[in-house]
Amino acid sequence: MITMIAAAGQNNELGKDNDLVWHLPDDFKRFKQLTTGHYIIMGRKTFESFPKPLPNRTHVVITRNKDYKKESAVVVHSLDAALLKAASDVQPFVIGGGEIYNMAMDVADKIELTRVHGTFDADTFFPEIDKNQWELISEVHHEKDERHNYAFTYETWVRR
């Protein structure tokens, strides 16, 4: 089962200048809980936005640069190659960025989306979820509080 995991604003905003435009500690905690022990598939810019590789996950980085090498990651040059590298994982996660999500939309089985209730200045966006192809099976709302500047909803989508 291939799962895309993302946090996106009301207009599918993901981030700006290779960074998130919000800070949601509980969402980070959920991301860690869901992805730990799994392969995480991402583009090079997403990988390079991390201060260091995320612990207890296998990083698969997609890049067009044939000379790109990182000791802490498996480097591939297509989504198909990334999925082959992650084939031993029952649930690899596609974690971004925007271009990688667009590629994965046709092959993913599940979307774990944190819908951030707000609109944001962004340069990277999550693809539109086609409700003819996807069914929303779970929603868990989280109010704005002293640690979270925005309310958000965890949405779980499965392919119809």
C-alpha atoms as a PDB file:
ATOM      1  CA  MET A   1       0.000   0.000   0.000  1.00  0.00           C
ATOM      2  CA  ILE A   2       1.563   3.283  -1.124  1.00  0.00           C
ATOM      3  CA  THR A   3       0.607   6.175   1.136  1.00  0.00           C
ATOM      4  CA  MET A   4       1.069   9.863   0.476  1.00  0.00           C
ATOM      5  CA  ILE A   5       1.400  11.926   3.655  1.00  0.00           C
ATOM      6  CA  ALA A   6       1.220  15.712   3.694  1.00  0.00           C
ATOM      7  CA  ALA A   7      -0.037  18.801   5.474  1.00  0.00           C
ATOM      8  CA  ALA A   8      -1.780  21.298   3.206  1.00  0.00           C
ATOM      9  CA  GLY A   9      -3.705  24.518   3.657  1.00  0.00           C
ATOM     10  CA  GLN A  10      -7.264  25.150   2.499  1.00  0.00           C
ATOM     11  CA  ASN A  11      -6.009  25.892  -1.044  1.00  0.00           C
ATOM     12  CA  ASN A  12      -3.603  22.908  -1.066  1.00  0.00           C
ATOM     13  CA  GLU A  13      -0.627  25.033  -0.019  1.00  0.00           C
ATOM     14  CA  LEU A  14       2.348  22.931   1.092  1.00  0.00           C
ATOM     15  CA  GLY A  15       5.091  25.453   1.647  1.00  0.00           C
ATOM     16  CA  LYS A  16       7.206  28.324   0.447  1.00  0.00           C
ATOM     17  CA  ASP A  17      10.935  28.586  -0.235  1.00  0.00           C
ATOM     18  CA  ASN A  18      11.381  24.878   0.562  1.00  0.00           C
ATOM     19  CA  ASP A  19       9.925  25.232   4.063  1.00  0.00           C
ATOM     20  CA  LEU A  20       6.575  24.757   5.782  1.00  0.00           C
ATOM     21  CA  VAL A  21       4.488  27.872   6.416  1.00  0.00           C
ATOM     22  CA  TRP A  22       3.150  26.691   9.804  1.00  0.00           C
ATOM     23  CA  HIS A  23       4.399  24.889  12.892  1.00  0.00           C
ATOM     24  CA  LEU A  24       2.120  22.106  14.154  1.00  0.00           C
ATOM     25  CA  PRO A  25       3.880  19.963  16.793  1.00  0.00           C
ATOM     26  CA  ASP A  26       1.068  17.372  17.002  1.00  0.00           C
ATOM     27  CA  ASP A  27       1.200  16.912  13.230  1.00  0.00           C
ATOM     28  CA  PHE A  28       4.970  16.328  13.416  1.00  0.00           C
ATOM     29  CA  LYS A  29       4.328  13.745  16.137  1.00  0.00           C
ATOM     30  CA  ARG A  30       1.733  11.980  13.966  1.00  0.00           C
ATOM     31  CA  PHE A  31       4.064  12.067  10.946  1.00  0.00           C
ATOM     32  CA  LYS A  32       6.804  10.451  13.038  1.00  0.00           C
ATOM     33  CA  GLN A  33       4.446   7.822  14.453  1.00  0.00           C
ATOM     34  CA  LEU A  34       3.097   6.848  11.009  1.00  0.00           C
ATOM     35  CA  THR A  35       6.387   6.856   9.069  1.00  0.00           C
ATOM     36  CA  THR A  36       8.861   5.397  11.594  1.00  0.00           C
ATOM     37  CA  GLY A  37      10.186   2.050  10.402  1.00  0.00           C
ATOM     38  CA  HIS A  38       9.129   2.698   6.805  1.00  0.00           C
ATOM     39  CA  TYR A  39      10.641   3.865   3.553  1.00  0.00           C
ATOM     40  CA  ILE A  40       9.993   7.563   2.921  1.00  0.00           C
ATOM     41  CA  ILE A  41      10.115   8.686  -0.706  1.00  0.00           C
ATOM     42  CA  MET A  42      10.842  12.322  -1.475  1.00  0.00           C
ATOM     43  CA  GLY A  43      12.368  14.740  -3.918  1.00  0.00           C
ATOM     44  CA  ARG A  44      15.872  16.104  -3.474  1.00  0.00           C
ATOM     45  CA  LYS A  45      14.722  19.534  -2.283  1.00  0.00           C
ATOM     46  CA  THR A  46      12.559  17.975   0.426  1.00  0.00           C
ATOM     47  CA  PHE A  47      15.469  15.808   1.552  1.00  0.00           C
ATOM     48  CA  GLU A  48      17.816  18.779   1.649  1.00  0.00           C
ATOM     49  CA  SER A  49      15.316  20.784   3.731  1.00  0.00           C
ATOM     50  CA  PHE A  50      15.894  18.408   6.685  1.00  0.00           C
ATOM     51  CA  PRO A  51      18.608  19.452   9.134  1.00  0.00           C
ATOM     52  CA  LYS A  52      19.592  15.750   9.220  1.00  0.00           C
ATOM     53  CA  PRO A  53      18.010  12.486   8.033  1.00  0.00           C
ATOM     54  CA  LEU A  54      14.926  11.442   9.982  1.00  0.00           C
ATOM     55  CA  PRO A  55      15.709   8.602  12.398  1.00  0.00           C
ATOM     56  CA  ASN A  56      14.483   5.033  11.894  1.00  0.00           C
ATOM     57  CA  ARG A  57      13.355   5.548   8.310  1.00  0.00           C
ATOM     58  CA  THR A  58      14.914   4.639   4.965  1.00  0.00           C
ATOM     59  CA  HIS A  59      15.202   7.785   2.833  1.00  0.00           C
ATOM     60  CA  VAL A  60      14.647   7.317  -0.905  1.00  0.00           C
ATOM     61  CA  VAL A  61      15.475  10.499  -2.802  1.00  0.00           C
ATOM     62  CA  ILE A  62      14.303  11.130  -6.363  1.00  0.00           C
ATOM     63  CA  THR A  63      16.470  13.490  -8.404  1.00  0.00           C
ATOM     64  CA  ARG A  64      17.160  14.172 -12.082  1.00  0.00           C
ATOM     65  CA  ASN A  65      20.822  14.777 -11.190  1.00  0.00           C
ATOM     66  CA  LYS A  66      22.657  11.575 -12.165  1.00  0.00           C
ATOM     67  CA  ASP A  67      25.711  12.625 -10.108  1.00  0.00           C
ATOM     68  CA  TYR A  68      23.778  13.203  -6.858  1.00  0.00           C
ATOM     69  CA  LYS A  69      24.944  10.951  -4.019  1.00  0.00           C
ATOM     70  CA  LYS A  70      24.157  10.898  -0.302  1.00  0.00           C
ATOM     71  CA  GLU A  71      25.397   8.295   2.163  1.00  0.00           C
ATOM     72  CA  SER A  72      22.253   8.692   4.255  1.00  0.00           C
ATOM     73  CA  ALA A  73      19.839   8.062   1.372  1.00  0.00           C
ATOM     74  CA  VAL A  74      19.032   5.727  -1.479  1.00  0.00           C
ATOM     75  CA  VAL A  75      19.227   7.940  -4.578  1.00  0.00           C
ATOM     76  CA  VAL A  76      17.060   7.128  -7.613  1.00  0.00           C
ATOM     77  CA  HIS A  77      15.973   8.973 -10.737  1.00  0.00           C
ATOM     78  CA  SER A  78      12.258   8.143 -11.060  1.00  0.00           C
ATOM     79  CA  LEU A  79       9.218   7.358  -8.958  1.00  0.00           C
ATOM     80  CA  ASP A  80       9.149   3.829 -10.416  1.00  0.00           C
ATOM     81  CA  ALA A  81      12.732   3.251  -9.268  1.00  0.00           C
ATOM     82  CA  ALA A  82      11.864   4.615  -5.813  1.00  0.00           C
ATOM     83  CA  LEU A  83       8.907   2.250  -5.514  1.00  0.00           C
ATOM     84  CA  LEU A  84      11.099  -0.692  -6.562  1.00  0.00           C
ATOM     85  CA  LYS A  85      13.643   0.196  -3.849  1.00  0.00           C
ATOM     86  CA  ALA A  86      10.788   0.376  -1.309  1.00  0.00           C
ATOM     87  CA  ALA A  87       9.087  -2.839  -2.484  1.00  0.00           C
ATOM     88  CA  SER A  88      10.014  -4.739   0.696  1.00  0.00           C
ATOM     89  CA  ASP A  89       8.007  -2.234   2.786  1.00  0.00           C
ATOM     90  CA  VAL A  90       4.292  -3.011   3.162  1.00  0.00           C
ATOM     91  CA  GLN A  91       3.572   0.726   3.397  1.00  0.00           C
ATOM     92  CA  PRO A  92       6.131   3.124   1.926  1.00  0.00           C
ATOM     93  CA  PHE A  93       5.272   6.809   2.359  1.00  0.00           C
ATOM     94  CA  VAL A  94       5.569   9.524  -0.270  1.00  0.00           C
ATOM     95  CA  ILE A  95       6.411  12.676   1.690  1.00  0.00           C
ATOM     96  CA  GLY A  96       6.839  15.348  -0.997  1.00  0.00           C
ATOM     97  CA  GLY A  97       7.401  17.808  -2.407  1.00  0.00           C
ATOM     98  CA  GLY A  98       4.774  19.047  -4.796  1.00  0.00           C
ATOM     99  CA  GLU A  99       6.222  17.514  -7.954  1.00  0.00           C
ATOM    100  CA  ILE A 100       6.658  14.111  -6.286  1.00  0.00           C
ATOM    101  CA  TYR A 101       3.071  14.208  -4.955  1.00  0.00           C
ATOM    102  CA  ASN A 102       1.838  14.932  -8.496  1.00  0.00           C
ATOM    103  CA  MET A 103       3.731  11.900  -9.804  1.00  0.00           C
ATOM    104  CA  ALA A 104       2.490   9.655  -6.986  1.00  0.00           C
ATOM    105  CA  MET A 105      -1.199  10.640  -7.190  1.00  0.00           C
ATOM    106  CA  ASP A 106      -1.866   7.989  -9.855  1.00  0.00           C
ATOM    107  CA  VAL A 107      -0.167   5.132  -7.988  1.00  0.00           C
ATOM    108  CA  ALA A 108      -0.975   5.861  -4.342  1.00  0.00           C
ATOM    109  CA  ASP A 109      -3.553   3.772  -2.480  1.00  0.00           C
ATOM    110  CA  LYS A 110      -4.002   6.075   0.501  1.00  0.00           C
ATOM    111  CA  ILE A 111      -3.560   9.732   1.479  1.00  0.00           C
ATOM    112  CA  GLU A 112      -2.920  10.844   5.049  1.00  0.00           C
ATOM    113  CA  LEU A 113      -3.599  14.566   4.761  1.00  0.00           C
ATOM    114  CA  THR A 114      -3.445  17.116   7.536  1.00  0.00           C
ATOM    115  CA  ARG A 115      -5.766  19.862   6.299  1.00  0.00           C
ATOM    116  CA  VAL A 116      -4.580  23.099   7.901  1.00  0.00           C
ATOM    117  CA  HIS A 117      -7.495  25.508   8.323  1.00  0.00           C
ATOM    118  CA  GLY A 118      -6.081  28.670   6.832  1.00  0.00           C
ATOM    119  CA  THR A 119      -4.817  30.139   3.583  1.00  0.00           C
ATOM    120  CA  PHE A 120      -1.137  30.761   3.052  1.00  0.00           C
ATOM    121  CA  ASP A 121       1.346  32.414   0.724  1.00  0.00           C
ATOM    122  CA  ALA A 122       2.961  29.390  -0.922  1.00  0.00           C
ATOM    123  CA  ASP A 123       4.951  28.326  -3.958  1.00  0.00           C
ATOM    124  CA  THR A 124       4.375  24.571  -3.637  1.00  0.00           C
ATOM    125  CA  PHE A 125       0.997  22.830  -3.673  1.00  0.00           C
ATOM    126  CA  PHE A 126      -0.549  19.413  -3.031  1.00  0.00           C
ATOM    127  CA  PRO A 127      -2.485  18.050  -6.031  1.00  0.00           C
ATOM    128  CA  GLU A 128      -6.263  18.344  -6.073  1.00  0.00           C
ATOM    129  CA  ILE A 129      -7.944  15.218  -4.638  1.00  0.00           C
ATOM    130  CA  ASP A 130     -10.443  13.910  -7.210  1.00  0.00           C
ATOM    131  CA  LYS A 131     -13.446  12.813  -5.143  1.00  0.00           C
ATOM    132  CA  ASN A 132     -14.483  10.445  -7.956  1.00  0.00           C
ATOM    133  CA  GLN A 133     -11.267   8.491  -7.326  1.00  0.00           C
ATOM    134  CA  TRP A 134     -10.824   8.990  -3.583  1.00  0.00           C
ATOM    135  CA  GLU A 135     -13.078   8.428  -0.587  1.00  0.00           C
ATOM    136  CA  LEU A 136     -12.657  10.259   2.719  1.00  0.00           C
ATOM    137  CA  ILE A 137     -12.886   7.535   5.397  1.00  0.00           C
ATOM    138  CA  SER A 138     -11.749   9.378   8.517  1.00  0.00           C
ATOM    139  CA  GLU A 139     -11.588  12.928   9.889  1.00  0.00           C
ATOM    140  CA  VAL A 140     -10.164  13.950  13.266  1.00  0.00           C
ATOM    141  CA  HIS A 141     -10.321  17.651  14.095  1.00  0.00           C
ATOM    142  CA  HIS A 142      -7.686  19.466  16.184  1.00  0.00           C
ATOM    143  CA  GLU A 143      -8.508  22.930  17.491  1.00  0.00           C
ATOM    144  CA  LYS A 144      -6.134  25.861  17.518  1.00  0.00           C
ATOM    145  CA  ASP A 145      -4.399  26.048  20.912  1.00  0.00           C
ATOM    146  CA  GLU A 146      -1.361  27.502  22.684  1.00  0.00           C
ATOM    147  CA  ARG A 147       0.994  25.205  20.682  1.00  0.00           C
ATOM    148  CA  HIS A 148      -0.829  25.398  17.340  1.00  0.00           C
ATOM    149  CA  ASN A 149      -1.582  28.704  15.594  1.00  0.00           C
ATOM    150  CA  TYR A 150      -4.094  27.004  13.280  1.00  0.00           C
ATOM    151  CA  ALA A 151      -6.843  24.450  13.667  1.00  0.00           C
ATOM    152  CA  PHE A 152      -6.408  21.394  11.449  1.00  0.00           C
ATOM    153  CA  THR A 153      -8.055  18.108  10.550  1.00  0.00           C
ATOM    154  CA  TYR A 154      -6.382  14.755   9.979  1.00  0.00           C
ATOM    155  CA  GLU A 155      -8.047  13.318   6.864  1.00  0.00           C
ATOM    156  CA  THR A 156      -7.574   9.753   5.662  1.00  0.00           C
ATOM    157  CA  TRP A 157      -8.448   9.096   2.020  1.00  0.00           C
ATOM    158  CA  VAL A 158      -8.472   5.737   0.210  1.00  0.00           C
ATOM    159  CA  ARG A 159      -8.670   5.060  -3.488  1.00  0.00           C
ATOM    160  CA  ARG A 160     -12.176   4.051  -4.602  1.00  0.00           C
END
